[in-house]
Amino acid sequence: MHRDIPKQHRRFARAMRIDATPAEGRLWQVLRSRQLEGHKFKRQVPLDGYILDFVCFEARLIIEVDGHQHAMSERDEKRDAWFRSQDFRILRFWNGDIDKNLDGICLTILSELRNGGA
């Protein structure tokens, strides 16, 4: 899936990879290098004017790791609706949930991959 991405979006995504939150870093350690049943995830991917925290294109699954600033976010609702209209599924997790229950988060992701993925 190749699309023309504006240079500023690429630069911003690169900066976000370098400055990941601790929760994003912990989840990335589990998702990277096809460690989760062979599914390939990418992180901080610019797509359609948004930056996706994690995405598995093969399974059309987006994973977002959110802090308190995302609570009740209309922008996030609009973004999620857009990606759903493009046949993506979205999972959102709070930073604190990743810190407290990474194993449970991974089981949820695996379940989603198994039940609707590639």
Protein backbone atom coordinates (compact mmCIF):
# COMPACT_ATOMS: atom_id res chain seq x y z
CA MET A 1 0.00 0.00 0.00
CA HIS A 2 1.99 2.97 -1.27
CA ARG A 3 0.60 6.47 -1.17
CA ASP A 4 2.22 9.83 -1.65
CA ILE A 5 2.89 11.18 1.84
CA PRO A 6 3.77 14.86 2.34
CA LYS A 7 7.36 15.31 3.53
CA GLN A 8 6.24 17.11 6.70
CA HIS A 9 4.10 14.10 7.67
CA ARG A 10 7.07 11.77 7.15
CA ARG A 11 9.28 14.01 9.29
CA PHE A 12 6.64 14.21 12.02
CA ALA A 13 6.16 10.43 12.05
CA ARG A 14 9.94 9.92 12.27
CA ALA A 15 10.11 12.33 15.21
CA MET A 16 7.26 10.47 16.93
CA ARG A 17 9.13 7.16 16.53
CA ILE A 18 12.14 8.70 18.24
CA ASP A 19 10.05 10.28 21.02
CA ALA A 20 7.61 7.43 21.71
CA THR A 21 5.77 7.31 25.01
CA PRO A 22 6.87 4.59 27.46
CA ALA A 23 3.62 2.70 26.82
CA GLU A 24 4.16 2.84 23.04
CA GLY A 25 7.71 1.60 23.55
CA ARG A 26 6.55 -1.35 25.66
CA LEU A 27 3.90 -2.36 23.14
CA TRP A 28 6.34 -1.96 20.24
CA GLN A 29 8.72 -4.43 21.89
CA VAL A 30 5.95 -7.04 21.59
CA LEU A 31 4.72 -6.12 18.09
CA ARG A 32 8.03 -5.60 16.30
CA SER A 33 9.83 -8.17 14.15
CA ARG A 34 6.70 -10.28 13.57
CA GLN A 35 6.77 -11.49 17.18
CA LEU A 36 2.99 -11.65 17.48
CA GLU A 37 2.18 -14.82 15.50
CA GLY A 38 4.09 -13.59 12.48
CA HIS A 39 2.03 -10.44 11.87
CA LYS A 40 4.02 -7.49 10.56
CA PHE A 41 3.35 -4.22 12.34
CA LYS A 42 4.73 -0.79 11.51
CA ARG A 43 4.78 2.10 13.94
CA GLN A 44 4.07 5.80 13.58
CA VAL A 45 2.88 5.46 10.00
CA PRO A 46 1.60 8.53 8.14
CA LEU A 47 -1.57 7.67 6.23
CA ASP A 48 -4.34 9.83 4.79
CA GLY A 49 -3.34 12.90 6.81
CA TYR A 50 -3.05 11.02 10.12
CA ILE A 51 -0.22 9.32 11.98
CA LEU A 52 -1.12 5.78 13.06
CA ASP A 53 0.60 4.53 16.23
CA PHE A 54 0.76 0.93 14.95
CA VAL A 55 -0.68 -0.74 11.88
CA CYS A 56 -0.73 -4.22 10.41
CA PHE A 57 -1.65 -3.66 6.77
CA GLU A 58 -2.07 -7.39 6.06
CA ALA A 59 -4.79 -7.64 8.74
CA ARG A 60 -6.01 -4.05 8.20
CA LEU A 61 -5.67 -3.48 11.94
CA ILE A 62 -4.76 -0.15 13.53
CA ILE A 63 -3.71 0.04 17.17
CA GLU A 64 -3.75 3.37 18.98
CA VAL A 65 -2.17 4.01 22.36
CA ASP A 66 -3.88 6.95 24.02
CA GLY A 67 -3.20 9.28 26.90
CA HIS A 68 -5.74 11.43 28.72
CA GLN A 69 -5.77 14.05 25.93
CA HIS A 70 -7.69 11.57 23.78
CA ALA A 71 -10.62 11.17 26.18
CA MET A 72 -13.85 12.03 24.38
CA SER A 73 -11.95 13.29 21.32
CA GLU A 74 -14.17 14.20 18.38
CA ARG A 75 -11.09 14.21 16.15
CA ASP A 76 -10.36 10.59 17.10
CA GLU A 77 -13.98 9.62 16.39
CA LYS A 78 -13.79 11.24 12.95
CA ARG A 79 -10.44 9.59 12.26
CA ASP A 80 -11.70 6.16 13.35
CA ALA A 81 -14.80 6.52 11.17
CA TRP A 82 -12.60 7.38 8.18
CA PHE A 83 -10.39 4.33 8.64
CA ARG A 84 -13.37 2.05 9.24
CA SER A 85 -14.79 3.29 5.93
CA GLN A 86 -11.49 2.14 4.41
CA ASP A 87 -12.01 -1.37 5.88
CA PHE A 88 -9.58 -1.00 8.78
CA ARG A 89 -10.35 -2.19 12.29
CA ILE A 90 -9.17 -0.05 15.20
CA LEU A 91 -8.16 -1.01 18.71
CA ARG A 92 -7.53 1.74 21.26
CA PHE A 93 -5.73 1.22 24.54
CA TRP A 94 -4.95 3.63 27.36
CA ASN A 95 -1.30 4.13 28.33
CA GLY A 96 -2.06 2.96 31.87
CA ASP A 97 -3.67 -0.26 30.64
CA ILE A 98 -0.52 -1.16 28.73
CA ASP A 99 1.56 -0.46 31.83
CA LYS A 100 -0.69 -2.58 34.05
CA ASN A 101 -1.82 -5.38 31.72
CA LEU A 102 0.44 -5.83 28.69
CA ASP A 103 -0.32 -9.56 28.53
CA GLY A 104 -4.07 -8.89 28.41
CA ILE A 105 -3.56 -6.24 25.71
CA CYS A 106 -1.58 -8.75 23.64
CA LEU A 107 -4.33 -11.35 24.01
CA THR A 108 -6.89 -8.79 22.82
CA ILE A 109 -4.74 -7.96 19.78
CA LEU A 110 -4.23 -11.65 18.99
CA SER A 111 -7.95 -12.28 19.25
CA GLU A 112 -8.64 -9.46 16.81
CA LEU A 113 -5.97 -10.74 14.42
CA ARG A 114 -7.36 -14.28 14.55
CA ASN A 115 -11.01 -13.29 14.18
CA GLY A 116 -10.81 -10.87 11.34
CA GLY A 117 -7.29 -10.58 10.10
CA ALA A 118 -5.42 -11.78 7.08
